[in-house]
Amino acid sequence: MKIEYLEAALSDLDNITDYYFALFGIESAMKVYDQIRTSVGQLDEYPGSGVPCRDRQLKILGYRELYSGRFVIVYRVDEGEQKVYINHIADTQTDYPNLYKTL
């Protein structure tokens, strides 16, 4: 399957790496970036590897969550288009369920 990052997910990834760069330096930022990208990359072969979202409405719509270290990747699989849409990436230590309001 093809993986497509939506604008919100790209913005999330930029914000996460910027944060790690500012606090811990380039090595830490690159490590987090690579970890997240590697986790997302597995979705091309295993799109069902995440768990259904806890939010009832999103679960009905087919959204899933994939955990990568302390981050959660919210995505949806479109079998017809053979695509995995990455909607959001968030730190699990934040109130990430509020992201659901923008999906």
C-alpha atoms as a PDB file:
ATOM      1  CA  MET A   1       0.000   0.000   0.000  1.00  0.00           C
ATOM      2  CA  LYS A   2       1.053   3.547  -0.586  1.00  0.00           C
ATOM      3  CA  ILE A   3       1.467   5.789   2.468  1.00  0.00           C
ATOM      4  CA  GLU A   4       0.271   9.379   2.291  1.00  0.00           C
ATOM      5  CA  TYR A   5       0.927  11.934   5.023  1.00  0.00           C
ATOM      6  CA  LEU A   6      -1.812  14.543   5.338  1.00  0.00           C
ATOM      7  CA  GLU A   7      -0.787  18.147   6.047  1.00  0.00           C
ATOM      8  CA  ALA A   8      -1.663  17.891   9.749  1.00  0.00           C
ATOM      9  CA  ALA A   9       0.578  14.840  10.174  1.00  0.00           C
ATOM     10  CA  LEU A  10       3.489  16.537   8.380  1.00  0.00           C
ATOM     11  CA  SER A  11       3.045  19.562  10.622  1.00  0.00           C
ATOM     12  CA  ASP A  12       2.943  17.309  13.696  1.00  0.00           C
ATOM     13  CA  LEU A  13       6.168  15.580  12.645  1.00  0.00           C
ATOM     14  CA  ASP A  14       7.878  18.926  12.037  1.00  0.00           C
ATOM     15  CA  ASN A  15       6.776  20.215  15.439  1.00  0.00           C
ATOM     16  CA  ILE A  16       7.975  17.070  17.208  1.00  0.00           C
ATOM     17  CA  THR A  17      11.397  17.138  15.563  1.00  0.00           C
ATOM     18  CA  ASP A  18      11.739  20.896  16.142  1.00  0.00           C
ATOM     19  CA  TYR A  19      10.971  20.371  19.817  1.00  0.00           C
ATOM     20  CA  TYR A  20      13.562  17.611  20.191  1.00  0.00           C
ATOM     21  CA  PHE A  21      16.118  19.640  18.255  1.00  0.00           C
ATOM     22  CA  ALA A  22      15.602  22.695  20.481  1.00  0.00           C
ATOM     23  CA  LEU A  23      15.785  20.734  23.738  1.00  0.00           C
ATOM     24  CA  PHE A  24      18.189  17.890  22.984  1.00  0.00           C
ATOM     25  CA  GLY A  25      20.007  18.611  19.718  1.00  0.00           C
ATOM     26  CA  ILE A  26      20.125  17.261  16.202  1.00  0.00           C
ATOM     27  CA  GLU A  27      20.962  13.644  17.108  1.00  0.00           C
ATOM     28  CA  SER A  28      17.911  13.313  19.335  1.00  0.00           C
ATOM     29  CA  ALA A  29      15.659  15.015  16.777  1.00  0.00           C
ATOM     30  CA  MET A  30      16.859  12.685  14.017  1.00  0.00           C
ATOM     31  CA  LYS A  31      16.450   9.622  16.224  1.00  0.00           C
ATOM     32  CA  VAL A  32      12.813  10.513  16.983  1.00  0.00           C
ATOM     33  CA  TYR A  33      12.157  11.365  13.323  1.00  0.00           C
ATOM     34  CA  ASP A  34      13.646   8.054  12.147  1.00  0.00           C
ATOM     35  CA  GLN A  35      11.718   6.090  14.791  1.00  0.00           C
ATOM     36  CA  ILE A  36       8.385   7.571  13.715  1.00  0.00           C
ATOM     37  CA  ARG A  37       9.108   7.188   9.974  1.00  0.00           C
ATOM     38  CA  THR A  38      10.170   3.563  10.488  1.00  0.00           C
ATOM     39  CA  SER A  39       6.946   2.801  12.369  1.00  0.00           C
ATOM     40  CA  VAL A  40       4.851   4.460   9.660  1.00  0.00           C
ATOM     41  CA  GLY A  41       6.832   2.587   7.015  1.00  0.00           C
ATOM     42  CA  GLN A  42       5.664  -0.761   8.344  1.00  0.00           C
ATOM     43  CA  LEU A  43       2.101   0.201   7.470  1.00  0.00           C
ATOM     44  CA  ASP A  44       2.706  -0.358   3.763  1.00  0.00           C
ATOM     45  CA  GLU A  45       2.999  -4.108   4.394  1.00  0.00           C
ATOM     46  CA  TYR A  46       0.941  -4.336   7.600  1.00  0.00           C
ATOM     47  CA  PRO A  47      -1.777  -1.660   7.441  1.00  0.00           C
ATOM     48  CA  GLY A  48      -3.803  -3.412  10.135  1.00  0.00           C
ATOM     49  CA  SER A  49      -0.977  -3.443  12.658  1.00  0.00           C
ATOM     50  CA  GLY A  50      -2.397  -0.519  14.627  1.00  0.00           C
ATOM     51  CA  VAL A  51      -5.346  -0.799  16.970  1.00  0.00           C
ATOM     52  CA  PRO A  52      -8.793   0.712  16.359  1.00  0.00           C
ATOM     53  CA  CYS A  53      -9.121   4.206  17.817  1.00  0.00           C
ATOM     54  CA  ARG A  54     -10.651   4.397  21.261  1.00  0.00           C
ATOM     55  CA  ASP A  55     -12.988   7.163  20.127  1.00  0.00           C
ATOM     56  CA  ARG A  56     -16.223   5.427  19.134  1.00  0.00           C
ATOM     57  CA  GLN A  57     -17.000   7.599  16.102  1.00  0.00           C
ATOM     58  CA  LEU A  58     -13.464   7.332  14.714  1.00  0.00           C
ATOM     59  CA  LYS A  59     -13.495   3.591  15.282  1.00  0.00           C
ATOM     60  CA  ILE A  60     -16.672   3.353  13.202  1.00  0.00           C
ATOM     61  CA  LEU A  61     -14.978   5.417  10.464  1.00  0.00           C
ATOM     62  CA  GLY A  62     -12.035   3.009  10.449  1.00  0.00           C
ATOM     63  CA  TYR A  63      -9.329   5.128  12.067  1.00  0.00           C
ATOM     64  CA  ARG A  64      -6.514   3.270  13.803  1.00  0.00           C
ATOM     65  CA  GLU A  65      -3.679   4.130  16.199  1.00  0.00           C
ATOM     66  CA  LEU A  66      -0.124   2.891  15.867  1.00  0.00           C
ATOM     67  CA  TYR A  67       2.212   3.403  18.817  1.00  0.00           C
ATOM     68  CA  SER A  68       5.865   4.234  18.250  1.00  0.00           C
ATOM     69  CA  GLY A  69       7.687   4.720  21.525  1.00  0.00           C
ATOM     70  CA  ARG A  70       5.987   7.624  23.238  1.00  0.00           C
ATOM     71  CA  PHE A  71       4.190   8.706  20.069  1.00  0.00           C
ATOM     72  CA  VAL A  72       0.868   7.713  18.542  1.00  0.00           C
ATOM     73  CA  ILE A  73       0.196   7.767  14.820  1.00  0.00           C
ATOM     74  CA  VAL A  74      -3.470   8.164  13.877  1.00  0.00           C
ATOM     75  CA  TYR A  75      -4.247   6.784  10.432  1.00  0.00           C
ATOM     76  CA  ARG A  76      -6.912   5.369   8.149  1.00  0.00           C
ATOM     77  CA  VAL A  77      -6.643   2.652   5.499  1.00  0.00           C
ATOM     78  CA  ASP A  78      -8.460   3.032   2.179  1.00  0.00           C
ATOM     79  CA  GLU A  79      -8.526  -0.455   0.679  1.00  0.00           C
ATOM     80  CA  GLY A  80     -10.080   0.774  -2.569  1.00  0.00           C
ATOM     81  CA  GLU A  81      -7.270   3.233  -3.246  1.00  0.00           C
ATOM     82  CA  GLN A  82      -4.659   0.958  -1.652  1.00  0.00           C
ATOM     83  CA  LYS A  83      -3.505   3.865   0.526  1.00  0.00           C
ATOM     84  CA  VAL A  84      -2.753   4.465   4.182  1.00  0.00           C
ATOM     85  CA  TYR A  85      -3.531   8.052   5.180  1.00  0.00           C
ATOM     86  CA  ILE A  86      -1.496   9.365   8.121  1.00  0.00           C
ATOM     87  CA  ASN A  87      -3.729  11.917   9.831  1.00  0.00           C
ATOM     88  CA  HIS A  88      -1.894  12.923  13.003  1.00  0.00           C
ATOM     89  CA  ILE A  89       1.196  12.147  15.048  1.00  0.00           C
ATOM     90  CA  ALA A  90       1.200  13.065  18.732  1.00  0.00           C
ATOM     91  CA  ASP A  91       3.085  12.570  21.951  1.00  0.00           C
ATOM     92  CA  THR A  92       1.127  10.166  24.136  1.00  0.00           C
ATOM     93  CA  GLN A  93       1.999  12.332  27.139  1.00  0.00           C
ATOM     94  CA  THR A  94      -0.265  15.076  25.741  1.00  0.00           C
ATOM     95  CA  ASP A  95      -4.035  15.268  25.421  1.00  0.00           C
ATOM     96  CA  TYR A  96      -3.858  13.744  21.943  1.00  0.00           C
ATOM     97  CA  PRO A  97      -7.494  12.557  21.852  1.00  0.00           C
ATOM     98  CA  ASN A  98      -8.390  16.215  21.234  1.00  0.00           C
ATOM     99  CA  LEU A  99      -6.759  15.801  17.821  1.00  0.00           C
ATOM    100  CA  TYR A 100      -9.720  13.652  16.908  1.00  0.00           C
ATOM    101  CA  LYS A 101     -11.871  16.740  16.664  1.00  0.00           C
ATOM    102  CA  THR A 102      -9.960  17.795  13.535  1.00  0.00           C
ATOM    103  CA  LEU A 103     -10.191  14.500  11.640  1.00  0.00           C
END
